[in-house]
Amino acid sequence: MTELIAGGVYSDRRGSLRFCNDFDMSAVKRFYTIANSAEQPRRGWIGHKRETKWFFPLKGTTEIVVEPMGGGALAATHAADAKDASGRFALNVNEPKVLMVPPGNWFYIEQHEDAEVMVFSDCKVGEYENDDFRRQL
């Protein structure tokens, strides 16, 4: 099931801390950042049968749209996850949250202005062969 994990902000005279203490990173094997260009603010649709992704806003606002992947064995295998996975999720740097997108879902990323998002993955590059699916936006 797609999940939003709440975070928070602590500020004092020294500055501020953004955190998400309830995000268990024990499954994370790699991370990277995405900052789409102004000419191409949308990226996706991307789907994975086995890989889980988590998204955390670093700058601005990033919207992530999630839809279940349909058809065949994939739909049956991930029916419980996919059933509740659909939606549009806005991640904003001022309201820290981590969005978890489980296997069996499509997602696309739309960023506003100079937004940037950090992406965490539970697999190394090439670990799940043939698990990167694309469709047209």
N, C-alpha and C. Protein backbone atom coordinates (compact mmCIF):
# COMPACT_ATOMS: atom_id res chain seq x y z
N MET A 1 0.85 -1.18 0.00
CA MET A 1 0.00 0.00 0.00
C MET A 1 0.89 1.24 0.00
N THR A 2 0.55 2.21 -0.83
CA THR A 2 1.26 3.48 -0.83
C THR A 2 1.08 4.12 0.53
N GLU A 3 2.16 4.68 1.05
CA GLU A 3 2.11 5.22 2.41
C GLU A 3 2.81 6.56 2.48
N LEU A 4 2.22 7.49 3.20
CA LEU A 4 2.86 8.77 3.51
C LEU A 4 3.33 8.71 4.96
N ILE A 5 4.62 8.90 5.15
CA ILE A 5 5.20 8.84 6.49
C ILE A 5 5.47 10.27 6.93
N ALA A 6 4.81 10.69 7.99
CA ALA A 6 4.89 12.08 8.44
C ALA A 6 6.27 12.41 9.00
N GLY A 7 6.69 13.62 8.75
CA GLY A 7 7.93 14.15 9.31
C GLY A 7 7.62 15.42 10.06
N GLY A 8 8.61 16.26 10.18
CA GLY A 8 8.39 17.52 10.88
C GLY A 8 9.53 18.49 10.66
N VAL A 9 9.39 19.65 11.26
CA VAL A 9 10.39 20.70 11.18
C VAL A 9 10.60 21.25 12.58
N TYR A 10 11.85 21.42 12.96
CA TYR A 10 12.18 22.08 14.22
C TYR A 10 13.01 23.30 13.88
N SER A 11 12.61 24.45 14.40
CA SER A 11 13.33 25.69 14.13
C SER A 11 13.65 26.42 15.42
N ASP A 12 14.81 27.03 15.45
CA ASP A 12 15.18 27.93 16.53
C ASP A 12 16.13 28.98 15.96
N ARG A 13 16.80 29.73 16.80
CA ARG A 13 17.64 30.84 16.33
C ARG A 13 18.80 30.38 15.45
N ARG A 14 19.17 29.11 15.55
CA ARG A 14 20.29 28.58 14.75
C ARG A 14 19.88 28.19 13.34
N GLY A 15 18.56 28.01 13.12
CA GLY A 15 18.08 27.55 11.82
C GLY A 15 17.00 26.50 12.00
N SER A 16 16.90 25.60 11.05
CA SER A 16 15.85 24.60 11.14
C SER A 16 16.36 23.22 10.74
N LEU A 17 15.67 22.22 11.26
CA LEU A 17 15.91 20.82 10.94
C LEU A 17 14.64 20.25 10.34
N ARG A 18 14.76 19.56 9.22
CA ARG A 18 13.63 18.82 8.64
C ARG A 18 13.92 17.35 8.86
N PHE A 19 12.92 16.60 9.29
CA PHE A 19 13.18 15.21 9.64
C PHE A 19 11.97 14.33 9.34
N CYS A 20 12.24 13.03 9.32
CA CYS A 20 11.18 12.03 9.20
C CYS A 20 11.65 10.82 10.02
N ASN A 21 11.51 10.94 11.33
CA ASN A 21 12.04 9.94 12.25
C ASN A 21 11.35 8.58 12.14
N ASP A 22 10.15 8.52 11.59
CA ASP A 22 9.44 7.24 11.47
C ASP A 22 9.75 6.49 10.17
N PHE A 23 10.62 7.05 9.34
CA PHE A 23 11.03 6.37 8.10
C PHE A 23 12.13 5.37 8.45
N ASP A 24 11.80 4.09 8.38
CA ASP A 24 12.76 3.01 8.64
C ASP A 24 13.57 2.77 7.37
N MET A 25 14.84 3.11 7.40
CA MET A 25 15.69 3.01 6.22
C MET A 25 16.44 1.69 6.13
N SER A 26 16.07 0.70 6.92
CA SER A 26 16.82 -0.55 6.93
C SER A 26 16.78 -1.29 5.59
N ALA A 27 15.76 -1.09 4.77
CA ALA A 27 15.66 -1.76 3.47
C ALA A 27 16.36 -0.99 2.35
N VAL A 28 16.78 0.24 2.59
CA VAL A 28 17.36 1.09 1.55
C VAL A 28 18.76 0.61 1.18
N LYS A 29 18.98 0.50 -0.15
CA LYS A 29 20.29 0.08 -0.66
C LYS A 29 20.98 1.16 -1.49
N ARG A 30 20.22 2.16 -1.93
CA ARG A 30 20.81 3.27 -2.70
C ARG A 30 19.87 4.46 -2.68
N PHE A 31 20.40 5.61 -3.07
CA PHE A 31 19.57 6.81 -3.21
C PHE A 31 20.12 7.69 -4.30
N TYR A 32 19.26 8.58 -4.79
CA TYR A 32 19.64 9.56 -5.80
C TYR A 32 18.66 10.72 -5.72
N THR A 33 18.96 11.80 -6.41
CA THR A 33 18.06 12.95 -6.42
C THR A 33 17.55 13.19 -7.85
N ILE A 34 16.37 13.81 -7.93
CA ILE A 34 15.79 14.18 -9.22
C ILE A 34 15.41 15.65 -9.17
N ALA A 35 15.86 16.40 -10.15
CA ALA A 35 15.47 17.79 -10.35
C ALA A 35 15.16 17.94 -11.83
N ASN A 36 13.89 17.91 -12.17
CA ASN A 36 13.49 18.01 -13.57
C ASN A 36 13.74 19.41 -14.11
N SER A 37 13.93 19.51 -15.41
CA SER A 37 14.14 20.81 -16.04
C SER A 37 12.82 21.55 -16.20
N ALA A 38 12.89 22.86 -16.40
CA ALA A 38 11.69 23.67 -16.62
C ALA A 38 10.99 23.26 -17.91
N GLU A 39 11.77 22.82 -18.91
CA GLU A 39 11.20 22.38 -20.19
C GLU A 39 10.50 21.03 -20.07
N GLN A 40 10.95 20.20 -19.15
CA GLN A 40 10.39 18.85 -18.95
C GLN A 40 10.10 18.64 -17.47
N PRO A 41 9.06 19.28 -16.92
CA PRO A 41 8.79 19.19 -15.48
C PRO A 41 8.20 17.85 -15.03
N ARG A 42 7.83 17.00 -16.02
CA ARG A 42 7.23 15.69 -15.68
C ARG A 42 8.15 14.56 -16.12
N ARG A 43 8.21 13.53 -15.31
CA ARG A 43 9.04 12.35 -15.59
C ARG A 43 8.23 11.12 -15.21
N GLY A 44 8.18 10.14 -16.09
CA GLY A 44 7.44 8.90 -15.81
C GLY A 44 6.65 8.54 -17.05
N TRP A 45 5.76 7.72 -16.98
CA TRP A 45 5.34 6.71 -16.04
C TRP A 45 6.42 5.63 -15.94
N ILE A 46 6.73 5.26 -14.72
CA ILE A 46 7.71 4.22 -14.43
C ILE A 46 7.03 3.21 -13.51
N GLY A 47 7.27 1.94 -13.76
CA GLY A 47 6.69 0.91 -12.91
C GLY A 47 7.72 -0.16 -12.56
N HIS A 48 7.53 -0.78 -11.41
CA HIS A 48 8.41 -1.86 -10.96
C HIS A 48 7.57 -2.98 -10.37
N LYS A 49 7.93 -4.22 -10.69
CA LYS A 49 7.25 -5.37 -10.11
C LYS A 49 7.82 -5.73 -8.74
N ARG A 50 9.12 -5.43 -8.55
CA ARG A 50 9.79 -5.87 -7.31
C ARG A 50 10.39 -4.75 -6.48
N GLU A 51 10.64 -3.62 -7.06
CA GLU A 51 11.36 -2.54 -6.38
C GLU A 51 10.40 -1.59 -5.65
N THR A 52 10.78 -1.22 -4.43
CA THR A 52 10.07 -0.21 -3.65
C THR A 52 10.85 1.09 -3.75
N LYS A 53 10.13 2.21 -3.87
CA LYS A 53 10.73 3.54 -3.90
C LYS A 53 10.16 4.37 -2.76
N TRP A 54 10.99 5.24 -2.19
CA TRP A 54 10.57 6.22 -1.20
C TRP A 54 11.04 7.57 -1.70
N PHE A 55 10.21 8.61 -1.53
CA PHE A 55 10.51 9.95 -2.03
C PHE A 55 10.48 10.94 -0.87
N PHE A 56 11.48 11.83 -0.81
CA PHE A 56 11.56 12.86 0.23
C PHE A 56 11.91 14.19 -0.42
N PRO A 57 11.12 15.26 -0.19
CA PRO A 57 11.37 16.54 -0.84
C PRO A 57 12.61 17.25 -0.28
N LEU A 58 13.45 17.72 -1.18
CA LEU A 58 14.64 18.49 -0.79
C LEU A 58 14.46 19.97 -1.03
N LYS A 59 13.64 20.31 -2.05
CA LYS A 59 13.47 21.70 -2.45
C LYS A 59 12.15 21.83 -3.18
N GLY A 60 11.38 22.87 -2.86
CA GLY A 60 10.14 23.15 -3.58
C GLY A 60 9.06 22.10 -3.38
N THR A 61 8.22 21.95 -4.42
CA THR A 61 7.10 21.02 -4.38
C THR A 61 7.21 20.02 -5.52
N THR A 62 7.10 18.76 -5.17
CA THR A 62 7.08 17.66 -6.14
C THR A 62 5.77 16.91 -5.96
N GLU A 63 5.06 16.72 -7.06
CA GLU A 63 3.84 15.91 -7.03
C GLU A 63 4.15 14.56 -7.65
N ILE A 64 3.66 13.51 -7.00
CA ILE A 64 3.85 12.16 -7.50
C ILE A 64 2.48 11.52 -7.65
N VAL A 65 2.20 11.04 -8.85
CA VAL A 65 0.94 10.37 -9.13
C VAL A 65 1.22 8.88 -9.19
N VAL A 66 0.40 8.10 -8.49
CA VAL A 66 0.58 6.65 -8.40
C VAL A 66 -0.67 5.96 -8.91
N GLU A 67 -0.47 4.93 -9.74
CA GLU A 67 -1.57 4.10 -10.24
C GLU A 67 -1.12 2.65 -10.23
N PRO A 68 -2.02 1.72 -9.92
CA PRO A 68 -1.66 0.31 -9.97
C PRO A 68 -1.33 -0.14 -11.38
N MET A 69 -0.34 -1.02 -11.51
CA MET A 69 -0.05 -1.67 -12.78
C MET A 69 -1.11 -2.75 -12.94
N GLY A 70 -1.71 -2.85 -14.08
CA GLY A 70 -2.80 -3.82 -14.25
C GLY A 70 -2.40 -4.99 -15.12
N GLY A 71 -3.24 -5.99 -15.09
CA GLY A 71 -3.13 -7.12 -16.00
C GLY A 71 -2.29 -8.28 -15.51
N GLY A 72 -2.74 -9.46 -15.83
CA GLY A 72 -2.00 -10.69 -15.65
C GLY A 72 -1.57 -10.98 -14.22
N ALA A 73 -0.45 -11.70 -14.11
CA ALA A 73 0.05 -12.17 -12.82
C ALA A 73 0.45 -11.01 -11.92
N LEU A 74 0.95 -9.92 -12.52
CA LEU A 74 1.37 -8.78 -11.70
C LEU A 74 0.20 -8.23 -10.90
N ALA A 75 -0.93 -8.05 -11.53
CA ALA A 75 -2.10 -7.51 -10.83
C ALA A 75 -2.53 -8.45 -9.71
N ALA A 76 -2.52 -9.75 -9.97
CA ALA A 76 -2.92 -10.72 -8.95
C ALA A 76 -1.93 -10.75 -7.80
N THR A 77 -0.64 -10.68 -8.11
CA THR A 77 0.39 -10.74 -7.08
C THR A 77 0.33 -9.54 -6.16
N HIS A 78 0.03 -8.37 -6.70
CA HIS A 78 0.06 -7.13 -5.92
C HIS A 78 -1.32 -6.53 -5.74
N ALA A 79 -2.36 -7.33 -5.81
CA ALA A 79 -3.73 -6.80 -5.75
C ALA A 79 -3.98 -6.02 -4.47
N ALA A 80 -3.50 -6.49 -3.34
CA ALA A 80 -3.75 -5.79 -2.08
C ALA A 80 -3.07 -4.44 -2.06
N ASP A 81 -1.83 -4.38 -2.56
CA ASP A 81 -1.10 -3.12 -2.61
C ASP A 81 -1.74 -2.17 -3.61
N ALA A 82 -2.01 -2.68 -4.81
CA ALA A 82 -2.49 -1.83 -5.89
C ALA A 82 -3.87 -1.26 -5.60
N LYS A 83 -4.70 -1.99 -4.92
CA LYS A 83 -6.07 -1.56 -4.65
C LYS A 83 -6.12 -0.20 -3.95
N ASP A 84 -5.19 0.05 -3.05
CA ASP A 84 -5.21 1.28 -2.27
C ASP A 84 -4.09 2.25 -2.68
N ALA A 85 -3.44 2.00 -3.80
CA ALA A 85 -2.25 2.75 -4.14
C ALA A 85 -2.50 4.03 -4.92
N SER A 86 -3.62 4.15 -5.62
CA SER A 86 -3.83 5.28 -6.51
C SER A 86 -3.88 6.61 -5.76
N GLY A 87 -3.42 7.63 -6.44
CA GLY A 87 -3.55 8.95 -5.87
C GLY A 87 -2.50 9.92 -6.35
N ARG A 88 -2.70 11.18 -5.99
CA ARG A 88 -1.73 12.25 -6.27
C ARG A 88 -1.24 12.73 -4.92
N PHE A 89 0.07 12.74 -4.76
CA PHE A 89 0.68 13.09 -3.49
C PHE A 89 1.61 14.28 -3.69
N ALA A 90 1.39 15.35 -2.93
CA ALA A 90 2.23 16.55 -3.01
C ALA A 90 3.25 16.50 -1.88
N LEU A 91 4.52 16.53 -2.26
CA LEU A 91 5.60 16.58 -1.28
C LEU A 91 6.20 17.98 -1.32
N ASN A 92 6.18 18.64 -0.20
CA ASN A 92 6.65 20.01 -0.11
C ASN A 92 7.76 20.10 0.94
N VAL A 93 8.79 20.83 0.61
CA VAL A 93 9.94 20.95 1.50
C VAL A 93 9.56 21.51 2.88
N ASN A 94 8.49 22.31 2.96
CA ASN A 94 8.09 22.92 4.23
C ASN A 94 7.23 21.99 5.09
N GLU A 95 6.78 20.90 4.53
CA GLU A 95 5.99 19.90 5.26
C GLU A 95 6.58 18.53 5.00
N PRO A 96 7.71 18.21 5.62
CA PRO A 96 8.43 16.98 5.30
C PRO A 96 7.60 15.71 5.50
N LYS A 97 7.61 14.87 4.47
CA LYS A 97 6.97 13.56 4.49
C LYS A 97 7.77 12.67 3.56
N VAL A 98 7.72 11.39 3.81
CA VAL A 98 8.29 10.41 2.89
C VAL A 98 7.11 9.66 2.26
N LEU A 99 7.12 9.56 0.94
CA LEU A 99 6.11 8.78 0.22
C LEU A 99 6.72 7.45 -0.17
N MET A 100 6.09 6.35 0.25
CA MET A 100 6.53 5.01 -0.13
C MET A 100 5.63 4.49 -1.24
N VAL A 101 6.23 4.08 -2.36
CA VAL A 101 5.50 3.49 -3.48
C VAL A 101 5.95 2.04 -3.60
N PRO A 102 5.07 1.10 -3.28
CA PRO A 102 5.43 -0.31 -3.30
C PRO A 102 5.48 -0.87 -4.72
N PRO A 103 6.04 -2.06 -4.88
CA PRO A 103 6.03 -2.72 -6.19
C PRO A 103 4.61 -2.90 -6.68
N GLY A 104 4.48 -2.99 -8.02
CA GLY A 104 3.16 -3.20 -8.61
C GLY A 104 2.43 -1.93 -8.94
N ASN A 105 3.14 -0.79 -8.96
CA ASN A 105 2.52 0.51 -9.23
C ASN A 105 3.31 1.29 -10.27
N TRP A 106 2.57 2.06 -11.06
CA TRP A 106 3.16 3.08 -11.93
C TRP A 106 3.26 4.37 -11.12
N PHE A 107 4.23 5.22 -11.45
CA PHE A 107 4.26 6.56 -10.88
C PHE A 107 4.88 7.52 -11.88
N TYR A 108 4.46 8.77 -11.78
CA TYR A 108 5.17 9.83 -12.49
C TYR A 108 5.38 10.98 -11.53
N ILE A 109 6.40 11.79 -11.84
CA ILE A 109 6.83 12.89 -10.99
C ILE A 109 6.64 14.18 -11.76
N GLU A 110 5.99 15.14 -11.11
CA GLU A 110 5.83 16.47 -11.69
C GLU A 110 6.39 17.47 -10.69
N GLN A 111 7.36 18.26 -11.15
CA GLN A 111 8.00 19.21 -10.24
C GLN A 111 7.68 20.63 -10.65
N HIS A 112 7.59 21.50 -9.64
CA HIS A 112 7.26 22.90 -9.84
C HIS A 112 8.51 23.74 -9.60
N GLU A 113 8.77 24.62 -10.57
CA GLU A 113 9.91 25.54 -10.51
C GLU A 113 11.21 24.78 -10.28
N ASP A 114 11.93 25.09 -9.21
CA ASP A 114 13.25 24.49 -8.99
C ASP A 114 13.20 23.35 -7.96
N ALA A 115 12.15 22.55 -7.98
CA ALA A 115 11.98 21.47 -7.01
C ALA A 115 13.04 20.38 -7.18
N GLU A 116 13.29 19.69 -6.09
CA GLU A 116 14.20 18.54 -6.09
C GLU A 116 13.70 17.54 -5.06
N VAL A 117 13.79 16.27 -5.41
CA VAL A 117 13.33 15.21 -4.52
C VAL A 117 14.44 14.15 -4.41
N MET A 118 14.60 13.59 -3.21
CA MET A 118 15.52 12.49 -3.00
C MET A 118 14.72 11.20 -3.10
N VAL A 119 15.29 10.22 -3.82
CA VAL A 119 14.63 8.93 -4.02
C VAL A 119 15.50 7.85 -3.40
N PHE A 120 14.86 7.01 -2.60
CA PHE A 120 15.53 5.87 -1.98
C PHE A 120 14.99 4.60 -2.63
N SER A 121 15.81 3.57 -2.77
CA SER A 121 15.41 2.32 -3.40
C SER A 121 15.86 1.13 -2.55
N ASP A 122 15.09 0.06 -2.62
CA ASP A 122 15.47 -1.14 -1.88
C ASP A 122 16.26 -2.14 -2.73
N CYS A 123 16.77 -1.68 -3.89
CA CYS A 123 17.63 -2.57 -4.68
C CYS A 123 18.78 -1.78 -5.28
N LYS A 124 19.87 -2.48 -5.52
CA LYS A 124 21.02 -1.88 -6.18
C LYS A 124 20.76 -1.84 -7.68
N VAL A 125 21.49 -1.01 -8.40
CA VAL A 125 21.34 -0.91 -9.84
C VAL A 125 21.62 -2.30 -10.44
N GLY A 126 20.69 -2.78 -11.26
CA GLY A 126 20.85 -4.07 -11.91
C GLY A 126 20.47 -5.28 -11.07
N GLU A 127 20.11 -5.07 -9.81
CA GLU A 127 19.78 -6.20 -8.93
C GLU A 127 18.54 -6.95 -9.40
N TYR A 128 17.52 -6.23 -9.81
CA TYR A 128 16.30 -6.85 -10.32
C TYR A 128 16.26 -6.67 -11.83
N GLU A 129 16.79 -7.65 -12.53
CA GLU A 129 16.86 -7.57 -13.98
C GLU A 129 15.46 -7.50 -14.59
N ASN A 130 15.29 -6.66 -15.59
CA ASN A 130 14.01 -6.50 -16.31
C ASN A 130 12.87 -6.05 -15.39
N ASP A 131 13.15 -5.18 -14.42
CA ASP A 131 12.11 -4.69 -13.51
C ASP A 131 11.85 -3.20 -13.69
N ASP A 132 12.20 -2.66 -14.84
CA ASP A 132 12.01 -1.24 -15.10
C ASP A 132 11.07 -1.11 -16.30
N PHE A 133 9.83 -0.70 -16.05
CA PHE A 133 8.81 -0.62 -17.09
C PHE A 133 8.46 0.84 -17.33
N ARG A 134 8.20 1.18 -18.60
CA ARG A 134 7.86 2.56 -18.97
C ARG A 134 6.60 2.56 -19.80
N ARG A 135 5.83 3.64 -19.65
CA ARG A 135 4.70 3.89 -20.55
C ARG A 135 4.66 5.40 -20.82
N GLN A 136 3.90 5.79 -21.83
CA GLN A 136 3.83 7.20 -22.22
C GLN A 136 3.10 8.02 -21.17
N LEU A 137 3.55 9.26 -20.99
CA LEU A 137 2.87 10.19 -20.08
C LEU A 137 1.51 10.54 -20.62
